[in-house]
Amino acid sequence: GIIGGAGYTGGEAVRLLINHPGVELAYVHSNSNGGNRVSDVHADL
């Protein structure tokens, strides 16, 4: 799980972990973006 996923380091963690063969990304938490698509904030995704 990622806490604080909307910033630069959170976005980089998402990019790495969704492609990591040993990981299931269970959630990306953000107090300011709840309900928004991750790809709406990190448009490259």
ModelCIF file with pLDDT and N, C-alpha, C, O atoms, coordinates in Angstrom:
data_MODEL
#
_entry.id   MODEL 
#
_entity.id                         1 
_entity.type                       polymer 
_entity.pdbx_number_of_molecules   1 
#
_entity_poly.entity_id                      1 
_entity_poly.type                           'polypeptide(L)' 
_entity_poly.nstd_linkage                   no 
_entity_poly.nstd_monomer                   no 
_entity_poly.pdbx_seq_one_letter_code       GIIGGAGYTGGEAVRLLINHPGVELAYVHSNSNGGNRVSDVHADL 
_entity_poly.pdbx_seq_one_letter_code_can   GIIGGAGYTGGEAVRLLINHPGVELAYVHSNSNGGNRVSDVHADL 
_entity_poly.pdbx_strand_id                 A 
#
loop_
_entity_poly_seq.entity_id 
_entity_poly_seq.num 
_entity_poly_seq.mon_id 
_entity_poly_seq.hetero 
1 1  GLY n 
1 2  ILE n 
1 3  ILE n 
1 4  GLY n 
1 5  GLY n 
1 6  ALA n 
1 7  GLY n 
1 8  TYR n 
1 9  THR n 
1 10 GLY n 
1 11 GLY n 
1 12 GLU n 
1 13 ALA n 
1 14 VAL n 
1 15 ARG n 
1 16 LEU n 
1 17 LEU n 
1 18 ILE n 
1 19 ASN n 
1 20 HIS n 
1 21 PRO n 
1 22 GLY n 
1 23 VAL n 
1 24 GLU n 
1 25 LEU n 
1 26 ALA n 
1 27 TYR n 
1 28 VAL n 
1 29 HIS n 
1 30 SER n 
1 31 ASN n 
1 32 SER n 
1 33 ASN n 
1 34 GLY n 
1 35 GLY n 
1 36 ASN n 
1 37 ARG n 
1 38 VAL n 
1 39 SER n 
1 40 ASP n 
1 41 VAL n 
1 42 HIS n 
1 43 ALA n 
1 44 ASP n 
1 45 LEU n 
#
_struct_asym.id          A 
_struct_asym.entity_id   1 
#
loop_
_ma_qa_metric.id 
_ma_qa_metric.mode 
_ma_qa_metric.name 
_ma_qa_metric.software_group_id 
_ma_qa_metric.type 
1 global pLDDT . pLDDT 
2 local  pLDDT . pLDDT 
#
_ma_qa_metric_global.metric_id      1 
_ma_qa_metric_global.metric_value   96.20 
_ma_qa_metric_global.model_id       1 
_ma_qa_metric_global.ordinal_id     1 
#
loop_
_ma_qa_metric_local.label_asym_id 
_ma_qa_metric_local.label_comp_id 
_ma_qa_metric_local.label_seq_id 
_ma_qa_metric_local.metric_id 
_ma_qa_metric_local.metric_value 
_ma_qa_metric_local.model_id 
_ma_qa_metric_local.ordinal_id 
A GLY 1  2 98.00 1 1  
A ILE 2  2 98.00 1 2  
A ILE 3  2 98.00 1 3  
A GLY 4  2 96.00 1 4  
A GLY 5  2 95.00 1 5  
A ALA 6  2 94.00 1 6  
A GLY 7  2 93.00 1 7  
A TYR 8  2 93.00 1 8  
A THR 9  2 95.00 1 9  
A GLY 10 2 96.00 1 10 
A GLY 11 2 96.00 1 11 
A GLU 12 2 97.00 1 12 
A ALA 13 2 98.00 1 13 
A VAL 14 2 98.00 1 14 
A ARG 15 2 97.00 1 15 
A LEU 16 2 98.00 1 16 
A LEU 17 2 98.00 1 17 
A ILE 18 2 97.00 1 18 
A ASN 19 2 96.00 1 19 
A HIS 20 2 98.00 1 20 
A PRO 21 2 97.00 1 21 
A GLY 22 2 98.00 1 22 
A VAL 23 2 98.00 1 23 
A GLU 24 2 98.00 1 24 
A LEU 25 2 98.00 1 25 
A ALA 26 2 98.00 1 26 
A TYR 27 2 97.00 1 27 
A VAL 28 2 98.00 1 28 
A HIS 29 2 97.00 1 29 
A SER 30 2 96.00 1 30 
A ASN 31 2 92.00 1 31 
A SER 32 2 91.00 1 32 
A ASN 33 2 94.00 1 33 
A GLY 34 2 94.00 1 34 
A GLY 35 2 95.00 1 35 
A ASN 36 2 96.00 1 36 
A ARG 37 2 97.00 1 37 
A VAL 38 2 97.00 1 38 
A SER 39 2 97.00 1 39 
A ASP 40 2 96.00 1 40 
A VAL 41 2 95.00 1 41 
A HIS 42 2 96.00 1 42 
A ALA 43 2 95.00 1 43 
A ASP 44 2 94.00 1 44 
A LEU 45 2 96.00 1 45 
#
loop_
_atom_site.group_PDB 
_atom_site.id 
_atom_site.type_symbol 
_atom_site.label_atom_id 
_atom_site.label_alt_id 
_atom_site.label_comp_id 
_atom_site.label_asym_id 
_atom_site.label_entity_id 
_atom_site.label_seq_id 
_atom_site.pdbx_PDB_ins_code 
_atom_site.Cartn_x 
_atom_site.Cartn_y 
_atom_site.Cartn_z 
_atom_site.occupancy 
_atom_site.B_iso_or_equiv 
_atom_site.pdbx_formal_charge 
_atom_site.auth_seq_id 
_atom_site.auth_comp_id 
_atom_site.auth_asym_id 
_atom_site.auth_atom_id 
_atom_site.pdbx_PDB_model_num 
ATOM 1   N N  . GLY A 1 1  ? 0.831   -1.191  0.000   1.00 98.00 ? 1  GLY A N  1 
ATOM 2   C CA . GLY A 1 1  ? 0.000   0.000   0.000   1.00 98.00 ? 1  GLY A CA 1 
ATOM 3   C C  . GLY A 1 1  ? 0.866   1.241   0.000   1.00 98.00 ? 1  GLY A C  1 
ATOM 4   O O  . GLY A 1 1  ? 1.958   1.246   0.569   1.00 98.00 ? 1  GLY A O  1 
ATOM 5   N N  . ILE A 1 2  ? 0.380   2.299   -0.640  1.00 98.00 ? 2  ILE A N  1 
ATOM 6   C CA . ILE A 1 2  ? 1.095   3.575   -0.700  1.00 98.00 ? 2  ILE A CA 1 
ATOM 7   C C  . ILE A 1 2  ? 0.268   4.637   0.009   1.00 98.00 ? 2  ILE A C  1 
ATOM 8   O O  . ILE A 1 2  ? -0.910  4.826   -0.298  1.00 98.00 ? 2  ILE A O  1 
ATOM 9   N N  . ILE A 1 3  ? 0.886   5.323   0.951   1.00 98.00 ? 3  ILE A N  1 
ATOM 10  C CA . ILE A 1 3  ? 0.264   6.468   1.622   1.00 98.00 ? 3  ILE A CA 1 
ATOM 11  C C  . ILE A 1 3  ? 0.887   7.739   1.046   1.00 98.00 ? 3  ILE A C  1 
ATOM 12  O O  . ILE A 1 3  ? 2.108   7.900   1.071   1.00 98.00 ? 3  ILE A O  1 
ATOM 13  N N  . GLY A 1 4  ? 0.051   8.639   0.527   1.00 96.00 ? 4  GLY A N  1 
ATOM 14  C CA . GLY A 1 4  ? 0.565   9.859   -0.094  1.00 96.00 ? 4  GLY A CA 1 
ATOM 15  C C  . GLY A 1 4  ? 0.951   9.629   -1.536  1.00 96.00 ? 4  GLY A C  1 
ATOM 16  O O  . GLY A 1 4  ? 2.079   9.920   -1.933  1.00 96.00 ? 4  GLY A O  1 
ATOM 17  N N  . GLY A 1 5  ? 0.018   9.106   -2.332  1.00 95.00 ? 5  GLY A N  1 
ATOM 18  C CA . GLY A 1 5  ? 0.348   8.666   -3.684  1.00 95.00 ? 5  GLY A CA 1 
ATOM 19  C C  . GLY A 1 5  ? 0.240   9.720   -4.766  1.00 95.00 ? 5  GLY A C  1 
ATOM 20  O O  . GLY A 1 5  ? 0.492   9.417   -5.932  1.00 95.00 ? 5  GLY A O  1 
ATOM 21  N N  . ALA A 1 6  ? -0.130  10.964  -4.419  1.00 94.00 ? 6  ALA A N  1 
ATOM 22  C CA . ALA A 1 6  ? -0.363  11.967  -5.456  1.00 94.00 ? 6  ALA A CA 1 
ATOM 23  C C  . ALA A 1 6  ? 0.865   12.802  -5.794  1.00 94.00 ? 6  ALA A C  1 
ATOM 24  O O  . ALA A 1 6  ? 0.873   13.481  -6.821  1.00 94.00 ? 6  ALA A O  1 
ATOM 25  N N  . GLY A 1 7  ? 1.902   12.771  -4.963  1.00 93.00 ? 7  GLY A N  1 
ATOM 26  C CA . GLY A 1 7  ? 3.093   13.574  -5.196  1.00 93.00 ? 7  GLY A CA 1 
ATOM 27  C C  . GLY A 1 7  ? 4.088   12.892  -6.121  1.00 93.00 ? 7  GLY A C  1 
ATOM 28  O O  . GLY A 1 7  ? 3.808   11.840  -6.695  1.00 93.00 ? 7  GLY A O  1 
ATOM 29  N N  . TYR A 1 8  ? 5.259   13.512  -6.253  1.00 93.00 ? 8  TYR A N  1 
ATOM 30  C CA . TYR A 1 8  ? 6.276   12.966  -7.152  1.00 93.00 ? 8  TYR A CA 1 
ATOM 31  C C  . TYR A 1 8  ? 6.769   11.590  -6.714  1.00 93.00 ? 8  TYR A C  1 
ATOM 32  O O  . TYR A 1 8  ? 6.816   10.664  -7.524  1.00 93.00 ? 8  TYR A O  1 
ATOM 33  N N  . THR A 1 9  ? 7.138   11.446  -5.434  1.00 95.00 ? 9  THR A N  1 
ATOM 34  C CA . THR A 1 9  ? 7.661   10.147  -4.991  1.00 95.00 ? 9  THR A CA 1 
ATOM 35  C C  . THR A 1 9  ? 6.554   9.096   -4.982  1.00 95.00 ? 9  THR A C  1 
ATOM 36  O O  . THR A 1 9  ? 6.802   7.934   -5.305  1.00 95.00 ? 9  THR A O  1 
ATOM 37  N N  . GLY A 1 10 ? 5.324   9.499   -4.610  1.00 96.00 ? 10 GLY A N  1 
ATOM 38  C CA . GLY A 1 10 ? 4.217   8.558   -4.662  1.00 96.00 ? 10 GLY A CA 1 
ATOM 39  C C  . GLY A 1 10 ? 3.946   8.094   -6.075  1.00 96.00 ? 10 GLY A C  1 
ATOM 40  O O  . GLY A 1 10 ? 3.718   6.908   -6.309  1.00 96.00 ? 10 GLY A O  1 
ATOM 41  N N  . GLY A 1 11 ? 3.970   9.023   -7.025  1.00 96.00 ? 11 GLY A N  1 
ATOM 42  C CA . GLY A 1 11 ? 3.760   8.658   -8.424  1.00 96.00 ? 11 GLY A CA 1 
ATOM 43  C C  . GLY A 1 11 ? 4.835   7.720   -8.940  1.00 96.00 ? 11 GLY A C  1 
ATOM 44  O O  . GLY A 1 11 ? 4.534   6.763   -9.653  1.00 96.00 ? 11 GLY A O  1 
ATOM 45  N N  . GLU A 1 12 ? 6.082   7.983   -8.588  1.00 97.00 ? 12 GLU A N  1 
ATOM 46  C CA . GLU A 1 12 ? 7.156   7.086   -9.009  1.00 97.00 ? 12 GLU A CA 1 
ATOM 47  C C  . GLU A 1 12 ? 6.991   5.700   -8.392  1.00 97.00 ? 12 GLU A C  1 
ATOM 48  O O  . GLU A 1 12 ? 7.254   4.691   -9.048  1.00 97.00 ? 12 GLU A O  1 
ATOM 49  N N  . ALA A 1 13 ? 6.555   5.648   -7.129  1.00 98.00 ? 13 ALA A N  1 
ATOM 50  C CA . ALA A 1 13 ? 6.321   4.357   -6.493  1.00 98.00 ? 13 ALA A CA 1 
ATOM 51  C C  . ALA A 1 13 ? 5.221   3.586   -7.215  1.00 98.00 ? 13 ALA A C  1 
ATOM 52  O O  . ALA A 1 13 ? 5.345   2.379   -7.423  1.00 98.00 ? 13 ALA A O  1 
ATOM 53  N N  . VAL A 1 14 ? 4.143   4.277   -7.598  1.00 98.00 ? 14 VAL A N  1 
ATOM 54  C CA . VAL A 1 14 ? 3.072   3.615   -8.350  1.00 98.00 ? 14 VAL A CA 1 
ATOM 55  C C  . VAL A 1 14 ? 3.612   3.063   -9.658  1.00 98.00 ? 14 VAL A C  1 
ATOM 56  O O  . VAL A 1 14 ? 3.349   1.907   -9.990  1.00 98.00 ? 14 VAL A O  1 
ATOM 57  N N  . ARG A 1 15 ? 4.362   3.863   -10.409 1.00 97.00 ? 15 ARG A N  1 
ATOM 58  C CA . ARG A 1 15 ? 4.894   3.431   -11.707 1.00 97.00 ? 15 ARG A CA 1 
ATOM 59  C C  . ARG A 1 15 ? 5.736   2.168   -11.570 1.00 97.00 ? 15 ARG A C  1 
ATOM 60  O O  . ARG A 1 15 ? 5.649   1.258   -12.395 1.00 97.00 ? 15 ARG A O  1 
ATOM 61  N N  . LEU A 1 16 ? 6.545   2.123   -10.529 1.00 98.00 ? 16 LEU A N  1 
ATOM 62  C CA . LEU A 1 16 ? 7.408   0.957   -10.322 1.00 98.00 ? 16 LEU A CA 1 
ATOM 63  C C  . LEU A 1 16 ? 6.615   -0.260  -9.870  1.00 98.00 ? 16 LEU A C  1 
ATOM 64  O O  . LEU A 1 16 ? 6.842   -1.369  -10.353 1.00 98.00 ? 16 LEU A O  1 
ATOM 65  N N  . LEU A 1 17 ? 5.688   -0.054  -8.945  1.00 98.00 ? 17 LEU A N  1 
ATOM 66  C CA . LEU A 1 17 ? 5.032   -1.197  -8.305  1.00 98.00 ? 17 LEU A CA 1 
ATOM 67  C C  . LEU A 1 17 ? 3.961   -1.842  -9.173  1.00 98.00 ? 17 LEU A C  1 
ATOM 68  O O  . LEU A 1 17 ? 3.741   -3.048  -9.056  1.00 98.00 ? 17 LEU A O  1 
ATOM 69  N N  . ILE A 1 18 ? 3.280   -1.084  -10.046 1.00 97.00 ? 18 ILE A N  1 
ATOM 70  C CA . ILE A 1 18 ? 2.281   -1.726  -10.909 1.00 97.00 ? 18 ILE A CA 1 
ATOM 71  C C  . ILE A 1 18 ? 2.949   -2.618  -11.956 1.00 97.00 ? 18 ILE A C  1 
ATOM 72  O O  . ILE A 1 18 ? 2.294   -3.475  -12.551 1.00 97.00 ? 18 ILE A O  1 
ATOM 73  N N  . ASN A 1 19 ? 4.246   -2.421  -12.181 1.00 96.00 ? 19 ASN A N  1 
ATOM 74  C CA . ASN A 1 19 ? 4.991   -3.247  -13.138 1.00 96.00 ? 19 ASN A CA 1 
ATOM 75  C C  . ASN A 1 19 ? 5.944   -4.232  -12.467 1.00 96.00 ? 19 ASN A C  1 
ATOM 76  O O  . ASN A 1 19 ? 6.705   -4.923  -13.145 1.00 96.00 ? 19 ASN A O  1 
ATOM 77  N N  . HIS A 1 20 ? 5.905   -4.297  -11.136 1.00 98.00 ? 20 HIS A N  1 
ATOM 78  C CA . HIS A 1 20 ? 6.809   -5.168  -10.391 1.00 98.00 ? 20 HIS A CA 1 
ATOM 79  C C  . HIS A 1 20 ? 6.226   -6.581  -10.364 1.00 98.00 ? 20 HIS A C  1 
ATOM 80  O O  . HIS A 1 20 ? 5.108   -6.769  -9.887  1.00 98.00 ? 20 HIS A O  1 
ATOM 81  N N  . PRO A 1 21 ? 6.959   -7.576  -10.865 1.00 97.00 ? 21 PRO A N  1 
ATOM 82  C CA . PRO A 1 21 ? 6.394   -8.926  -10.962 1.00 97.00 ? 21 PRO A CA 1 
ATOM 83  C C  . PRO A 1 21 ? 6.149   -9.607  -9.626  1.00 97.00 ? 21 PRO A C  1 
ATOM 84  O O  . PRO A 1 21 ? 5.440   -10.611 -9.566  1.00 97.00 ? 21 PRO A O  1 
ATOM 85  N N  . GLY A 1 22 ? 6.728   -9.071  -8.546  1.00 98.00 ? 22 GLY A N  1 
ATOM 86  C CA . GLY A 1 22 ? 6.552   -9.698  -7.244  1.00 98.00 ? 22 GLY A CA 1 
ATOM 87  C C  . GLY A 1 22 ? 5.571   -8.978  -6.344  1.00 98.00 ? 22 GLY A C  1 
ATOM 88  O O  . GLY A 1 22 ? 5.475   -9.296  -5.159  1.00 98.00 ? 22 GLY A O  1 
ATOM 89  N N  . VAL A 1 23 ? 4.820   -7.987  -6.895  1.00 98.00 ? 23 VAL A N  1 
ATOM 90  C CA . VAL A 1 23 ? 4.002   -7.108  -6.065  1.00 98.00 ? 23 VAL A CA 1 
ATOM 91  C C  . VAL A 1 23 ? 2.557   -7.071  -6.556  1.00 98.00 ? 23 VAL A C  1 
ATOM 92  O O  . VAL A 1 23 ? 2.293   -7.073  -7.758  1.00 98.00 ? 23 VAL A O  1 
ATOM 93  N N  . GLU A 1 24 ? 1.635   -7.037  -5.609  1.00 98.00 ? 24 GLU A N  1 
ATOM 94  C CA . GLU A 1 24 ? 0.248   -6.657  -5.860  1.00 98.00 ? 24 GLU A CA 1 
ATOM 95  C C  . GLU A 1 24 ? 0.019   -5.324  -5.150  1.00 98.00 ? 24 GLU A C  1 
ATOM 96  O O  . GLU A 1 24 ? 0.107   -5.246  -3.925  1.00 98.00 ? 24 GLU A O  1 
ATOM 97  N N  . LEU A 1 25 ? -0.273  -4.287  -5.914  1.00 98.00 ? 25 LEU A N  1 
ATOM 98  C CA . LEU A 1 25 ? -0.517  -2.973  -5.328  1.00 98.00 ? 25 LEU A CA 1 
ATOM 99  C C  . LEU A 1 25 ? -1.957  -2.932  -4.838  1.00 98.00 ? 25 LEU A C  1 
ATOM 100 O O  . LEU A 1 25 ? -2.892  -2.896  -5.638  1.00 98.00 ? 25 LEU A O  1 
ATOM 101 N N  . ALA A 1 26 ? -2.133  -2.940  -3.517  1.00 98.00 ? 26 ALA A N  1 
ATOM 102 C CA . ALA A 1 26 ? -3.464  -3.078  -2.919  1.00 98.00 ? 26 ALA A CA 1 
ATOM 103 C C  . ALA A 1 26 ? -4.228  -1.770  -2.921  1.00 98.00 ? 26 ALA A C  1 
ATOM 104 O O  . ALA A 1 26 ? -5.442  -1.773  -3.125  1.00 98.00 ? 26 ALA A O  1 
ATOM 105 N N  . TYR A 1 27 ? -3.547  -0.641  -2.700  1.00 97.00 ? 27 TYR A N  1 
ATOM 106 C CA . TYR A 1 27 ? -4.220  0.658   -2.694  1.00 97.00 ? 27 TYR A CA 1 
ATOM 107 C C  . TYR A 1 27 ? -3.190  1.767   -2.823  1.00 97.00 ? 27 TYR A C  1 
ATOM 108 O O  . TYR A 1 27 ? -2.010  1.599   -2.515  1.00 97.00 ? 27 TYR A O  1 
ATOM 109 N N  . VAL A 1 28 ? -3.687  2.920   -3.295  1.00 98.00 ? 28 VAL A N  1 
ATOM 110 C CA . VAL A 1 28 ? -2.900  4.154   -3.327  1.00 98.00 ? 28 VAL A CA 1 
ATOM 111 C C  . VAL A 1 28 ? -3.737  5.200   -2.597  1.00 98.00 ? 28 VAL A C  1 
ATOM 112 O O  . VAL A 1 28 ? -4.786  5.614   -3.092  1.00 98.00 ? 28 VAL A O  1 
ATOM 113 N N  . HIS A 1 29 ? -3.283  5.622   -1.437  1.00 97.00 ? 29 HIS A N  1 
ATOM 114 C CA . HIS A 1 29 ? -4.065  6.502   -0.568  1.00 97.00 ? 29 HIS A CA 1 
ATOM 115 C C  . HIS A 1 29 ? -3.664  7.952   -0.813  1.00 97.00 ? 29 HIS A C  1 
ATOM 116 O O  . HIS A 1 29 ? -2.484  8.272   -0.960  1.00 97.00 ? 29 HIS A O  1 
ATOM 117 N N  . SER A 1 30 ? -4.684  8.833   -0.855  1.00 96.00 ? 30 SER A N  1 
ATOM 118 C CA . SER A 1 30 ? -4.434  10.272  -0.966  1.00 96.00 ? 30 SER A CA 1 
ATOM 119 C C  . SER A 1 30 ? -5.571  11.011  -0.298  1.00 96.00 ? 30 SER A C  1 
ATOM 120 O O  . SER A 1 30 ? -6.733  10.806  -0.647  1.00 96.00 ? 30 SER A O  1 
ATOM 121 N N  . ASN A 1 31 ? -5.256  11.863  0.652   1.00 92.00 ? 31 ASN A N  1 
ATOM 122 C CA . ASN A 1 31 ? -6.297  12.647  1.322   1.00 92.00 ? 31 ASN A CA 1 
ATOM 123 C C  . ASN A 1 31 ? -6.962  13.640  0.376   1.00 92.00 ? 31 ASN A C  1 
ATOM 124 O O  . ASN A 1 31 ? -8.134  13.974  0.549   1.00 92.00 ? 31 ASN A O  1 
ATOM 125 N N  . SER A 1 32 ? -6.221  14.112  -0.624  1.00 91.00 ? 32 SER A N  1 
ATOM 126 C CA . SER A 1 32 ? -6.726  15.171  -1.496  1.00 91.00 ? 32 SER A CA 1 
ATOM 127 C C  . SER A 1 32 ? -7.350  14.661  -2.783  1.00 91.00 ? 32 SER A C  1 
ATOM 128 O O  . SER A 1 32 ? -7.983  15.434  -3.502  1.00 91.00 ? 32 SER A O  1 
ATOM 129 N N  . ASN A 1 33 ? -7.189  13.372  -3.096  1.00 94.00 ? 33 ASN A N  1 
ATOM 130 C CA . ASN A 1 33 ? -7.642  12.863  -4.392  1.00 94.00 ? 33 ASN A CA 1 
ATOM 131 C C  . ASN A 1 33 ? -8.525  11.629  -4.292  1.00 94.00 ? 33 ASN A C  1 
ATOM 132 O O  . ASN A 1 33 ? -8.677  10.901  -5.272  1.00 94.00 ? 33 ASN A O  1 
ATOM 133 N N  . GLY A 1 34 ? -9.109  11.381  -3.123  1.00 94.00 ? 34 GLY A N  1 
ATOM 134 C CA . GLY A 1 34 ? -9.940  10.210  -2.961  1.00 94.00 ? 34 GLY A CA 1 
ATOM 135 C C  . GLY A 1 34 ? -11.002 10.103  -4.040  1.00 94.00 ? 34 GLY A C  1 
ATOM 136 O O  . GLY A 1 34 ? -11.736 11.061  -4.281  1.00 94.00 ? 34 GLY A O  1 
ATOM 137 N N  . GLY A 1 35 ? -11.095 8.939   -4.700  1.00 95.00 ? 35 GLY A N  1 
ATOM 138 C CA . GLY A 1 35 ? -12.074 8.696   -5.744  1.00 95.00 ? 35 GLY A CA 1 
ATOM 139 C C  . GLY A 1 35 ? -11.597 9.027   -7.139  1.00 95.00 ? 35 GLY A C  1 
ATOM 140 O O  . GLY A 1 35 ? -12.173 8.547   -8.115  1.00 95.00 ? 35 GLY A O  1 
ATOM 141 N N  . ASN A 1 36 ? -10.561 9.831   -7.257  1.00 96.00 ? 36 ASN A N  1 
ATOM 142 C CA . ASN A 1 36 ? -10.032 10.179  -8.579  1.00 96.00 ? 36 ASN A CA 1 
ATOM 143 C C  . ASN A 1 36 ? -9.199  9.035   -9.142  1.00 96.00 ? 36 ASN A C  1 
ATOM 144 O O  . ASN A 1 36 ? -8.570  8.279   -8.402  1.00 96.00 ? 36 ASN A O  1 
ATOM 145 N N  . ARG A 1 37 ? -9.208  8.925   -10.456 1.00 97.00 ? 37 ARG A N  1 
ATOM 146 C CA . ARG A 1 37 ? -8.341  7.935   -11.093 1.00 97.00 ? 37 ARG A CA 1 
ATOM 147 C C  . ARG A 1 37 ? -6.869  8.314   -10.862 1.00 97.00 ? 37 ARG A C  1 
ATOM 148 O O  . ARG A 1 37 ? -6.502  9.487   -10.931 1.00 97.00 ? 37 ARG A O  1 
ATOM 149 N N  . VAL A 1 38 ? -6.053  7.321   -10.593 1.00 97.00 ? 38 VAL A N  1 
ATOM 150 C CA . VAL A 1 38 ? -4.616  7.572   -10.452 1.00 97.00 ? 38 VAL A CA 1 
ATOM 151 C C  . VAL A 1 38 ? -4.070  8.199   -11.733 1.00 97.00 ? 38 VAL A C  1 
ATOM 152 O O  . VAL A 1 38 ? -3.209  9.077   -11.679 1.00 97.00 ? 38 VAL A O  1 
ATOM 153 N N  . SER A 1 39 ? -4.570  7.750   -12.881 1.00 97.00 ? 39 SER A N  1 
ATOM 154 C CA . SER A 1 39 ? -4.076  8.267   -14.157 1.00 97.00 ? 39 SER A CA 1 
ATOM 155 C C  . SER A 1 39 ? -4.552  9.685   -14.448 1.00 97.00 ? 39 SER A C  1 
ATOM 156 O O  . SER A 1 39 ? -4.039  10.323  -15.368 1.00 97.00 ? 39 SER A O  1 
ATOM 157 N N  . ASP A 1 40 ? -5.533  10.201  -13.680 1.00 96.00 ? 40 ASP A N  1 
ATOM 158 C CA . ASP A 1 40 ? -5.918  11.600  -13.838 1.00 96.00 ? 40 ASP A CA 1 
ATOM 159 C C  . ASP A 1 40 ? -4.891  12.529  -13.192 1.00 96.00 ? 40 ASP A C  1 
ATOM 160 O O  . ASP A 1 40 ? -4.728  13.673  -13.615 1.00 96.00 ? 40 ASP A O  1 
ATOM 161 N N  . VAL A 1 41 ? -4.209  12.035  -12.177 1.00 95.00 ? 41 VAL A N  1 
ATOM 162 C CA . VAL A 1 41 ? -3.161  12.814  -11.507 1.00 95.00 ? 41 VAL A CA 1 
ATOM 163 C C  . VAL A 1 41 ? -1.805  12.530  -12.145 1.00 95.00 ? 41 VAL A C  1 
ATOM 164 O O  . VAL A 1 41 ? -1.045  13.455  -12.434 1.00 95.00 ? 41 VAL A O  1 
ATOM 165 N N  . HIS A 1 42 ? -1.503  11.260  -12.363 1.00 96.00 ? 42 HIS A N  1 
ATOM 166 C CA . HIS A 1 42 ? -0.258  10.850  -13.023 1.00 96.00 ? 42 HIS A CA 1 
ATOM 167 C C  . HIS A 1 42 ? -0.628  10.445  -14.451 1.00 96.00 ? 42 HIS A C  1 
ATOM 168 O O  . HIS A 1 42 ? -0.839  9.268   -14.742 1.00 96.00 ? 42 HIS A O  1 
ATOM 169 N N  . ALA A 1 43 ? -0.703  11.453  -15.344 1.00 95.00 ? 43 ALA A N  1 
ATOM 170 C CA . ALA A 1 43 ? -1.325  11.271  -16.655 1.00 95.00 ? 43 ALA A CA 1 
ATOM 171 C C  . ALA A 1 43 ? -0.589  10.255  -17.527 1.00 95.00 ? 43 ALA A C  1 
ATOM 172 O O  . ALA A 1 43 ? -1.193  9.666   -18.423 1.00 95.00 ? 43 ALA A O  1 
ATOM 173 N N  . ASP A 1 44 ? 0.701   10.040  -17.282 1.00 94.00 ? 44 ASP A N  1 
ATOM 174 C CA . ASP A 1 44 ? 1.451   9.075   -18.073 1.00 94.00 ? 44 ASP A CA 1 
ATOM 175 C C  . ASP A 1 44 ? 1.000   7.643   -17.815 1.00 94.00 ? 44 ASP A C  1 
ATOM 176 O O  . ASP A 1 44 ? 1.366   6.741   -18.568 1.00 94.00 ? 44 ASP A O  1 
ATOM 177 N N  . LEU A 1 45 ? 0.208   7.414   -16.759 1.00 96.00 ? 45 LEU A N  1 
ATOM 178 C CA . LEU A 1 45 ? -0.256  6.066   -16.432 1.00 96.00 ? 45 LEU A CA 1 
ATOM 179 C C  . LEU A 1 45 ? -1.581  5.723   -17.104 1.00 96.00 ? 45 LEU A C  1 
ATOM 180 O O  . LEU A 1 45 ? -2.098  4.621   -16.923 1.00 96.00 ? 45 LEU A O  1 
#
